[in-house]
Amino acid sequence: MDVKKVSEVISIIKKGKYKAYLVGGSSRDLLFARFFDDVDIATNAPLDFIYKNFKVVDANFEFNYSK
């Protein structure tokens, strides 16, 4: 996984005045300098912001959304 791209995604969300956090196993793997092939990001950004700012390449994903 390209850590620079992960950082870019988080930066885009934060520039939109939303919060973004790296969560799940990838955060642990990053701390221990281990390889990881997927990333979980928790954010309070609304779905329309996400769809507007990011290209969805795999629509087969799960998400939890709460207001």
N, C-alpha and C. Protein backbone atom coordinates (compact mmCIF):
# COMPACT_ATOMS: atom_id res chain seq x y z
N MET A 1 0.85 -1.18 0.00
CA MET A 1 0.00 0.00 0.00
C MET A 1 0.89 1.23 0.00
N ASP A 2 0.52 2.20 -0.78
CA ASP A 2 1.28 3.44 -0.88
C ASP A 2 0.85 4.40 0.24
N VAL A 3 1.71 4.58 1.21
CA VAL A 3 1.41 5.43 2.36
C VAL A 3 1.16 6.87 1.93
N LYS A 4 1.83 7.34 0.88
CA LYS A 4 1.62 8.70 0.40
C LYS A 4 0.19 8.89 -0.10
N LYS A 5 -0.36 7.87 -0.76
CA LYS A 5 -1.74 7.98 -1.26
C LYS A 5 -2.73 7.99 -0.10
N VAL A 6 -2.46 7.20 0.92
CA VAL A 6 -3.31 7.19 2.11
C VAL A 6 -3.29 8.57 2.76
N SER A 7 -2.11 9.15 2.87
CA SER A 7 -1.97 10.49 3.44
C SER A 7 -2.71 11.52 2.60
N GLU A 8 -2.67 11.36 1.30
CA GLU A 8 -3.36 12.29 0.40
C GLU A 8 -4.87 12.22 0.60
N VAL A 9 -5.40 11.02 0.75
CA VAL A 9 -6.84 10.86 0.98
C VAL A 9 -7.25 11.55 2.28
N ILE A 10 -6.49 11.31 3.33
CA ILE A 10 -6.79 11.93 4.62
C ILE A 10 -6.68 13.46 4.51
N SER A 11 -5.69 13.95 3.79
CA SER A 11 -5.52 15.40 3.61
C SER A 11 -6.70 16.02 2.88
N ILE A 12 -7.20 15.36 1.85
CA ILE A 12 -8.35 15.87 1.10
C ILE A 12 -9.57 15.99 2.01
N ILE A 13 -9.78 14.96 2.82
CA ILE A 13 -10.92 14.99 3.74
C ILE A 13 -10.76 16.13 4.75
N LYS A 14 -9.56 16.28 5.30
CA LYS A 14 -9.32 17.34 6.28
C LYS A 14 -9.41 18.73 5.66
N LYS A 15 -9.00 18.88 4.40
CA LYS A 15 -9.14 20.18 3.73
C LYS A 15 -10.61 20.55 3.55
N GLY A 16 -11.46 19.54 3.50
CA GLY A 16 -12.90 19.78 3.43
C GLY A 16 -13.51 20.09 4.78
N LYS A 17 -12.66 20.26 5.79
CA LYS A 17 -13.07 20.60 7.16
C LYS A 17 -13.77 19.44 7.87
N TYR A 18 -13.40 18.21 7.48
CA TYR A 18 -13.92 17.02 8.14
C TYR A 18 -12.78 16.30 8.85
N LYS A 19 -13.12 15.39 9.71
CA LYS A 19 -12.12 14.61 10.42
C LYS A 19 -11.88 13.30 9.67
N ALA A 20 -10.66 12.79 9.75
CA ALA A 20 -10.32 11.51 9.12
C ALA A 20 -9.27 10.82 9.97
N TYR A 21 -9.49 9.54 10.22
CA TYR A 21 -8.56 8.77 11.04
C TYR A 21 -8.26 7.43 10.37
N LEU A 22 -7.02 7.03 10.44
CA LEU A 22 -6.61 5.70 10.00
C LEU A 22 -6.98 4.74 11.12
N VAL A 23 -7.77 3.72 10.83
CA VAL A 23 -8.24 2.79 11.86
C VAL A 23 -8.02 1.35 11.39
N GLY A 24 -8.27 0.43 12.27
CA GLY A 24 -8.19 -0.98 11.91
C GLY A 24 -6.76 -1.51 11.90
N GLY A 25 -6.61 -2.67 11.29
CA GLY A 25 -5.33 -3.35 11.27
C GLY A 25 -4.23 -2.59 10.56
N SER A 26 -4.58 -1.77 9.59
CA SER A 26 -3.55 -1.03 8.86
C SER A 26 -2.83 -0.03 9.76
N SER A 27 -3.53 0.55 10.72
CA SER A 27 -2.87 1.49 11.64
C SER A 27 -1.85 0.75 12.50
N ARG A 28 -2.19 -0.44 12.94
CA ARG A 28 -1.24 -1.25 13.71
C ARG A 28 -0.05 -1.64 12.84
N ASP A 29 -0.33 -2.09 11.63
CA ASP A 29 0.74 -2.52 10.73
C ASP A 29 1.68 -1.37 10.39
N LEU A 30 1.15 -0.18 10.23
CA LEU A 30 1.97 0.98 9.94
C LEU A 30 2.90 1.28 11.12
N LEU A 31 2.37 1.19 12.33
CA LEU A 31 3.19 1.43 13.52
C LEU A 31 4.35 0.44 13.64
N PHE A 32 4.11 -0.81 13.24
CA PHE A 32 5.14 -1.84 13.34
C PHE A 32 5.90 -2.05 12.03
N ALA A 33 5.72 -1.11 11.09
CA ALA A 33 6.41 -1.16 9.79
C ALA A 33 6.16 -2.47 9.07
N ARG A 34 4.94 -2.96 9.15
CA ARG A 34 4.54 -4.18 8.45
C ARG A 34 3.82 -3.82 7.15
N PHE A 35 3.82 -4.75 6.21
CA PHE A 35 3.09 -4.57 4.96
C PHE A 35 1.58 -4.64 5.24
N PHE A 36 0.82 -3.79 4.57
CA PHE A 36 -0.64 -3.89 4.60
C PHE A 36 -1.17 -3.58 3.21
N ASP A 37 -2.25 -4.25 2.83
CA ASP A 37 -2.76 -4.08 1.47
C ASP A 37 -4.14 -3.42 1.41
N ASP A 38 -4.69 -3.08 2.57
CA ASP A 38 -5.93 -2.33 2.57
C ASP A 38 -5.92 -1.36 3.74
N VAL A 39 -6.76 -0.35 3.64
CA VAL A 39 -6.79 0.71 4.63
C VAL A 39 -8.24 0.99 5.02
N ASP A 40 -8.44 1.24 6.30
CA ASP A 40 -9.74 1.68 6.79
C ASP A 40 -9.58 3.10 7.30
N ILE A 41 -10.44 3.98 6.81
CA ILE A 41 -10.42 5.37 7.24
C ILE A 41 -11.80 5.71 7.80
N ALA A 42 -11.82 6.20 9.03
CA ALA A 42 -13.06 6.66 9.64
C ALA A 42 -13.14 8.17 9.44
N THR A 43 -14.32 8.65 9.05
CA THR A 43 -14.49 10.08 8.80
C THR A 43 -15.92 10.51 9.12
N ASN A 44 -16.06 11.78 9.39
CA ASN A 44 -17.40 12.33 9.56
C ASN A 44 -17.86 13.06 8.29
N ALA A 45 -17.12 12.92 7.21
CA ALA A 45 -17.50 13.54 5.93
C ALA A 45 -18.75 12.88 5.38
N PRO A 46 -19.68 13.67 4.86
CA PRO A 46 -20.89 13.08 4.28
C PRO A 46 -20.58 12.34 2.98
N LEU A 47 -21.45 11.41 2.64
CA LEU A 47 -21.23 10.59 1.45
C LEU A 47 -21.10 11.42 0.18
N ASP A 48 -21.86 12.50 0.06
CA ASP A 48 -21.76 13.30 -1.16
C ASP A 48 -20.37 13.92 -1.31
N PHE A 49 -19.72 14.27 -0.19
CA PHE A 49 -18.35 14.77 -0.24
C PHE A 49 -17.41 13.67 -0.73
N ILE A 50 -17.58 12.48 -0.22
CA ILE A 50 -16.72 11.35 -0.61
C ILE A 50 -16.88 11.06 -2.10
N TYR A 51 -18.11 10.96 -2.58
CA TYR A 51 -18.33 10.67 -4.00
C TYR A 51 -17.86 11.81 -4.90
N LYS A 52 -17.94 13.04 -4.43
CA LYS A 52 -17.51 14.19 -5.22
C LYS A 52 -15.98 14.25 -5.34
N ASN A 53 -15.27 13.84 -4.31
CA ASN A 53 -13.82 14.02 -4.26
C ASN A 53 -13.00 12.78 -4.56
N PHE A 54 -13.63 11.61 -4.63
CA PHE A 54 -12.89 10.39 -4.86
C PHE A 54 -13.56 9.54 -5.93
N LYS A 55 -12.76 8.91 -6.73
CA LYS A 55 -13.27 8.00 -7.75
C LYS A 55 -13.53 6.64 -7.10
N VAL A 56 -14.72 6.14 -7.24
CA VAL A 56 -15.06 4.83 -6.68
C VAL A 56 -14.66 3.79 -7.71
N VAL A 57 -13.68 2.97 -7.37
CA VAL A 57 -13.20 1.96 -8.31
C VAL A 57 -13.79 0.59 -8.02
N ASP A 58 -14.32 0.40 -6.83
CA ASP A 58 -14.94 -0.87 -6.46
C ASP A 58 -16.18 -0.55 -5.65
N ALA A 59 -17.32 -0.68 -6.26
CA ALA A 59 -18.57 -0.35 -5.59
C ALA A 59 -19.00 -1.45 -4.62
N ASN A 60 -18.24 -2.52 -4.55
CA ASN A 60 -18.57 -3.62 -3.65
C ASN A 60 -17.83 -3.44 -2.33
N PHE A 61 -18.23 -2.44 -1.57
CA PHE A 61 -17.60 -2.19 -0.28
C PHE A 61 -18.67 -1.97 0.76
N GLU A 62 -18.29 -2.13 1.99
CA GLU A 62 -19.22 -1.94 3.09
C GLU A 62 -18.86 -0.65 3.82
N PHE A 63 -19.87 0.02 4.34
CA PHE A 63 -19.61 1.21 5.13
C PHE A 63 -20.71 1.38 6.14
N ASN A 64 -20.38 2.06 7.20
CA ASN A 64 -21.36 2.45 8.19
C ASN A 64 -21.45 3.96 8.14
N TYR A 65 -22.66 4.45 8.13
CA TYR A 65 -22.87 5.89 8.04
C TYR A 65 -23.84 6.30 9.13
N SER A 66 -23.44 7.26 9.93
CA SER A 66 -24.35 7.76 10.95
C SER A 66 -24.21 9.27 11.04
N LYS A 67 -25.29 9.91 11.40
CA LYS A 67 -25.29 11.37 11.51
C LYS A 67 -24.95 11.78 12.92
